[in-house]
Structure formats: structure tokens, C-alpha cells
């Protein structure tokens, strides 16, 4: 499966990303509509979007962007396509474009998805892909409790 790199998302891509987001992320982070996702995107600078499709359906999305003078990322992969190396491929493509990548990751398994299943922390995935956990930097809101992770090019 090919990874496509784009600067801008069309409406169909945004709709598919919101669908993936709501299916894969904890319920507290769900978007009611595309406008909420567009608001999220509007708070990012210089975004690059990495897309993976299968049968004309988006199954993976990663975005890197500027926020607070750092390069950050978000990533989602359809659960039916996890554990196949696609997430690592997305991360590795983003690493080619960046010196540093920062993200927030849930480091616990107590959140639930919209379908009621538990959201399993992807922390081990990030460690396997060369990220460091910055234990002393946490994001604590009513929607999320997460730790900061960071990858830096050697």
C-alpha cells in the first residue's frame, strides 16, 4: 500500500479521517462533525498529511504540523489494519521530513472507544519506533490524560 503525502485535505478525506478518528480514538476525543476536526486542523501550522488507502477507502492518516515552535504529529490507523507494519511505515515517512516529532499518548488502558471497547495504549508501539517518553510532561484535561513522547533524529 502506497503512502500519499498531501498539503491539503479534500472534504472526502476529512470525512473519512473523522470516521477513523471516532472509531479508533477514545470517546472523549470524538468529533461530532467535520467542523470540529477542521477547527483542530486550523490550530496547526504547516501541516503535512500522510494517507494510506485500501480499495479507495482511507485506512491510515498521519499529520505532522507546527505547534508551539515544535513539530507535532497525530496518527490513526484502522484497527483492522494494525499490526501489519503500516503505522511504522507512516512514522518512518514522517521522520524523513522532520528533525523532531512530538506527540501525546495515553499511557493507560482505562479509556473506552465510542463502540464501548477499551482503547489500548499505543505506548509500546512508539517505544518500538524510537520515541522517548518525557514522563515529567503530561497533558491533563477533562478529555484526556496523556504523556508527551518525542523522537529526535540522531
C-alpha atoms as a PDB file:
ATOM      1  CA  UNK A   1       0.000   0.000   0.000  1.00  0.00           C
ATOM      2  CA  UNK A   2       1.302   3.372  -1.041  1.00  0.00           C
ATOM      3  CA  UNK A   3       1.613   6.362   1.297  1.00  0.00           C
ATOM      4  CA  UNK A   4       0.407   9.573  -0.304  1.00  0.00           C
ATOM      5  CA  UNK A   5       1.743  12.903   1.014  1.00  0.00           C
ATOM      6  CA  UNK A   6      -0.549  15.963   0.655  1.00  0.00           C
ATOM      7  CA  UNK A   7      -0.563  19.531   1.968  1.00  0.00           C
ATOM      8  CA  UNK A   8      -4.348  19.876   1.986  1.00  0.00           C
ATOM      9  CA  UNK A   9      -7.222  17.504   2.627  1.00  0.00           C
ATOM     10  CA  UNK A  10     -10.348  17.467   0.492  1.00  0.00           C
ATOM     11  CA  UNK A  11     -13.789  17.139   2.067  1.00  0.00           C
ATOM     12  CA  UNK A  12     -13.997  13.400   1.390  1.00  0.00           C
ATOM     13  CA  UNK A  13     -10.613  12.810   3.033  1.00  0.00           C
ATOM     14  CA  UNK A  14     -11.644  14.904   6.061  1.00  0.00           C
ATOM     15  CA  UNK A  15     -14.881  12.922   6.398  1.00  0.00           C
ATOM     16  CA  UNK A  16     -13.002   9.615   6.253  1.00  0.00           C
ATOM     17  CA  UNK A  17     -10.427  10.817   8.820  1.00  0.00           C
ATOM     18  CA  UNK A  18     -13.200  11.885  11.212  1.00  0.00           C
ATOM     19  CA  UNK A  19     -14.784   8.451  10.767  1.00  0.00           C
ATOM     20  CA  UNK A  20     -11.442   6.763  11.550  1.00  0.00           C
ATOM     21  CA  UNK A  21     -10.785   9.163  14.458  1.00  0.00           C
ATOM     22  CA  UNK A  22     -14.158   8.429  16.038  1.00  0.00           C
ATOM     23  CA  UNK A  23     -13.765   4.666  15.555  1.00  0.00           C
ATOM     24  CA  UNK A  24     -10.207   4.381  16.880  1.00  0.00           C
ATOM     25  CA  UNK A  25      -9.627   7.106  19.481  1.00  0.00           C
ATOM     26  CA  UNK A  26     -11.181   7.302  22.969  1.00  0.00           C
ATOM     27  CA  UNK A  27     -14.789   8.522  23.008  1.00  0.00           C
ATOM     28  CA  UNK A  28     -13.819  11.702  24.856  1.00  0.00           C
ATOM     29  CA  UNK A  29     -11.842  12.828  21.807  1.00  0.00           C
ATOM     30  CA  UNK A  30     -14.599  12.157  19.249  1.00  0.00           C
ATOM     31  CA  UNK A  31     -15.778  14.827  16.817  1.00  0.00           C
ATOM     32  CA  UNK A  32     -19.486  15.388  16.270  1.00  0.00           C
ATOM     33  CA  UNK A  33     -18.832  16.627  12.743  1.00  0.00           C
ATOM     34  CA  UNK A  34     -16.179  17.652  10.247  1.00  0.00           C
ATOM     35  CA  UNK A  35     -16.253  21.242  11.533  1.00  0.00           C
ATOM     36  CA  UNK A  36     -14.750  20.108  14.848  1.00  0.00           C
ATOM     37  CA  UNK A  37     -11.926  18.352  13.027  1.00  0.00           C
ATOM     38  CA  UNK A  38     -11.388  21.412  10.818  1.00  0.00           C
ATOM     39  CA  UNK A  39     -11.101  23.533  13.974  1.00  0.00           C
ATOM     40  CA  UNK A  40      -8.416  21.137  15.258  1.00  0.00           C
ATOM     41  CA  UNK A  41      -6.543  21.463  11.944  1.00  0.00           C
ATOM     42  CA  UNK A  42      -6.845  25.257  11.990  1.00  0.00           C
ATOM     43  CA  UNK A  43      -4.731  25.352  15.156  1.00  0.00           C
ATOM     44  CA  UNK A  44      -1.801  23.696  13.394  1.00  0.00           C
ATOM     45  CA  UNK A  45       0.849  25.256  11.194  1.00  0.00           C
ATOM     46  CA  UNK A  46       2.489  23.884   8.052  1.00  0.00           C
ATOM     47  CA  UNK A  47       0.646  20.551   8.081  1.00  0.00           C
ATOM     48  CA  UNK A  48       1.719  17.566   6.028  1.00  0.00           C
ATOM     49  CA  UNK A  49      -0.780  14.726   5.697  1.00  0.00           C
ATOM     50  CA  UNK A  50       0.255  11.133   5.070  1.00  0.00           C
ATOM     51  CA  UNK A  51      -2.554   8.942   3.726  1.00  0.00           C
ATOM     52  CA  UNK A  52      -2.890   5.197   3.187  1.00  0.00           C
ATOM     53  CA  UNK A  53      -5.846   3.872   1.203  1.00  0.00           C
ATOM     54  CA  UNK A  54      -7.156   0.382   0.530  1.00  0.00           C
ATOM     55  CA  UNK A  55      -9.935  -0.129  -2.021  1.00  0.00           C
ATOM     56  CA  UNK A  56     -10.429   3.671  -2.268  1.00  0.00           C
ATOM     57  CA  UNK A  57     -11.059   3.892   1.487  1.00  0.00           C
ATOM     58  CA  UNK A  58      -8.746   5.755   3.851  1.00  0.00           C
ATOM     59  CA  UNK A  59      -7.319   3.272   6.388  1.00  0.00           C
ATOM     60  CA  UNK A  60      -4.473   5.362   7.779  1.00  0.00           C
ATOM     61  CA  UNK A  61      -3.737   9.029   8.360  1.00  0.00           C
ATOM     62  CA  UNK A  62      -0.823  10.807   9.908  1.00  0.00           C
ATOM     63  CA  UNK A  63      -0.286  14.532  10.070  1.00  0.00           C
ATOM     64  CA  UNK A  64       2.779  16.443  11.153  1.00  0.00           C
ATOM     65  CA  UNK A  65       2.427  20.122  11.995  1.00  0.00           C
ATOM     66  CA  UNK A  66       3.926  23.064  13.845  1.00  0.00           C
ATOM     67  CA  UNK A  67       2.600  23.983  17.279  1.00  0.00           C
ATOM     68  CA  UNK A  68       4.349  25.988  19.985  1.00  0.00           C
ATOM     69  CA  UNK A  69       7.573  26.091  17.929  1.00  0.00           C
ATOM     70  CA  UNK A  70       7.789  22.271  17.782  1.00  0.00           C
ATOM     71  CA  UNK A  71       6.902  19.669  15.160  1.00  0.00           C
ATOM     72  CA  UNK A  72       3.994  17.532  16.390  1.00  0.00           C
ATOM     73  CA  UNK A  73       2.069  14.630  14.924  1.00  0.00           C
ATOM     74  CA  UNK A  74      -1.238  12.792  15.038  1.00  0.00           C
ATOM     75  CA  UNK A  75      -1.739   9.302  13.660  1.00  0.00           C
ATOM     76  CA  UNK A  76      -4.682   6.944  13.199  1.00  0.00           C
ATOM     77  CA  UNK A  77      -4.771   3.502  11.664  1.00  0.00           C
ATOM     78  CA  UNK A  78      -7.890   1.437  11.182  1.00  0.00           C
ATOM     79  CA  UNK A  79      -7.786  -1.337  13.785  1.00  0.00           C
ATOM     80  CA  UNK A  80      -8.359  -3.967  11.082  1.00  0.00           C
ATOM     81  CA  UNK A  81      -5.033  -2.909   9.547  1.00  0.00           C
ATOM     82  CA  UNK A  82      -2.940  -2.632  12.699  1.00  0.00           C
ATOM     83  CA  UNK A  83      -0.030  -4.969  13.457  1.00  0.00           C
ATOM     84  CA  UNK A  84       0.857  -5.093   9.740  1.00  0.00           C
ATOM     85  CA  UNK A  85       3.679  -2.523   9.785  1.00  0.00           C
ATOM     86  CA  UNK A  86       1.602   0.298   8.307  1.00  0.00           C
ATOM     87  CA  UNK A  87       1.840   2.522  11.379  1.00  0.00           C
ATOM     88  CA  UNK A  88       5.622   2.175  11.394  1.00  0.00           C
ATOM     89  CA  UNK A  89       5.687   2.992   7.679  1.00  0.00           C
ATOM     90  CA  UNK A  90       3.719   6.202   8.350  1.00  0.00           C
ATOM     91  CA  UNK A  91       6.056   7.143  11.212  1.00  0.00           C
ATOM     92  CA  UNK A  92       9.142   6.438   9.093  1.00  0.00           C
ATOM     93  CA  UNK A  93       7.839   8.601   6.230  1.00  0.00           C
ATOM     94  CA  UNK A  94       7.258  11.474   8.667  1.00  0.00           C
ATOM     95  CA  UNK A  95      10.742  11.025  10.125  1.00  0.00           C
ATOM     96  CA  UNK A  96      12.187  11.668   6.645  1.00  0.00           C
ATOM     97  CA  UNK A  97      10.601  15.144   6.700  1.00  0.00           C
ATOM     98  CA  UNK A  98      11.399  16.101  10.310  1.00  0.00           C
ATOM     99  CA  UNK A  99      14.252  16.508  12.763  1.00  0.00           C
ATOM    100  CA  UNK A 100      11.959  16.009  15.759  1.00  0.00           C
ATOM    101  CA  UNK A 101       8.420  14.679  16.263  1.00  0.00           C
ATOM    102  CA  UNK A 102       6.348  15.298  19.396  1.00  0.00           C
ATOM    103  CA  UNK A 103       3.085  13.688  20.376  1.00  0.00           C
ATOM    104  CA  UNK A 104       0.714  12.933  23.210  1.00  0.00           C
ATOM    105  CA  UNK A 105      -0.013   9.312  24.032  1.00  0.00           C
ATOM    106  CA  UNK A 106      -2.338   7.732  26.542  1.00  0.00           C
ATOM    107  CA  UNK A 107      -0.230   5.616  28.864  1.00  0.00           C
ATOM    108  CA  UNK A 108      -3.142   3.730  30.415  1.00  0.00           C
ATOM    109  CA  UNK A 109      -5.879   1.381  29.184  1.00  0.00           C
ATOM    110  CA  UNK A 110      -8.865   2.794  31.075  1.00  0.00           C
ATOM    111  CA  UNK A 111     -10.459   4.859  28.269  1.00  0.00           C
ATOM    112  CA  UNK A 112     -13.217   3.483  26.070  1.00  0.00           C
ATOM    113  CA  UNK A 113     -13.922   3.994  22.392  1.00  0.00           C
ATOM    114  CA  UNK A 114     -17.355   5.045  21.124  1.00  0.00           C
ATOM    115  CA  UNK A 115     -18.160   1.360  20.486  1.00  0.00           C
ATOM    116  CA  UNK A 116     -17.528   0.571  24.171  1.00  0.00           C
ATOM    117  CA  UNK A 117     -14.259  -1.309  23.647  1.00  0.00           C
ATOM    118  CA  UNK A 118     -11.245  -0.288  25.702  1.00  0.00           C
ATOM    119  CA  UNK A 119      -8.715   1.934  23.962  1.00  0.00           C
ATOM    120  CA  UNK A 120      -5.374   0.185  24.320  1.00  0.00           C
ATOM    121  CA  UNK A 121      -2.401   2.464  24.887  1.00  0.00           C
ATOM    122  CA  UNK A 122      -0.064   2.538  21.870  1.00  0.00           C
ATOM    123  CA  UNK A 123       2.921   3.458  24.053  1.00  0.00           C
ATOM    124  CA  UNK A 124       4.813   0.216  23.235  1.00  0.00           C
ATOM    125  CA  UNK A 125       4.395   0.979  19.504  1.00  0.00           C
ATOM    126  CA  UNK A 126       6.055   4.374  19.918  1.00  0.00           C
ATOM    127  CA  UNK A 127       8.891   2.957  22.013  1.00  0.00           C
ATOM    128  CA  UNK A 128       9.484   0.328  19.305  1.00  0.00           C
ATOM    129  CA  UNK A 129       9.641   3.173  16.761  1.00  0.00           C
ATOM    130  CA  UNK A 130      12.353   5.098  18.591  1.00  0.00           C
ATOM    131  CA  UNK A 131      10.334   7.583  20.633  1.00  0.00           C
ATOM    132  CA  UNK A 132      11.282   8.592  24.160  1.00  0.00           C
ATOM    133  CA  UNK A 133       8.728   9.144  26.902  1.00  0.00           C
ATOM    134  CA  UNK A 134       9.018  12.510  28.642  1.00  0.00           C
ATOM    135  CA  UNK A 135       7.474  11.348  31.935  1.00  0.00           C
ATOM    136  CA  UNK A 136       7.558  14.792  33.520  1.00  0.00           C
ATOM    137  CA  UNK A 137       5.436  16.401  30.747  1.00  0.00           C
ATOM    138  CA  UNK A 138       1.770  15.452  30.860  1.00  0.00           C
ATOM    139  CA  UNK A 139      -1.435  16.689  29.288  1.00  0.00           C
ATOM    140  CA  UNK A 140      -4.264  16.528  31.798  1.00  0.00           C
ATOM    141  CA  UNK A 141      -7.691  17.742  30.646  1.00  0.00           C
ATOM    142  CA  UNK A 142     -11.243  16.609  31.195  1.00  0.00           C
ATOM    143  CA  UNK A 143     -10.958  14.747  27.860  1.00  0.00           C
ATOM    144  CA  UNK A 144      -7.517  13.159  28.106  1.00  0.00           C
ATOM    145  CA  UNK A 145      -4.645  12.145  30.353  1.00  0.00           C
ATOM    146  CA  UNK A 146      -1.516  11.653  28.284  1.00  0.00           C
ATOM    147  CA  UNK A 147       2.266  11.755  28.434  1.00  0.00           C
ATOM    148  CA  UNK A 148       4.472  13.528  25.909  1.00  0.00           C
ATOM    149  CA  UNK A 149       6.601  11.426  23.583  1.00  0.00           C
ATOM    150  CA  UNK A 150       9.402  12.643  21.358  1.00  0.00           C
ATOM    151  CA  UNK A 151      11.571  11.328  18.567  1.00  0.00           C
ATOM    152  CA  UNK A 152      14.739  13.166  17.582  1.00  0.00           C
ATOM    153  CA  UNK A 153      16.890  12.419  14.538  1.00  0.00           C
ATOM    154  CA  UNK A 154      20.385  11.247  15.550  1.00  0.00           C
END
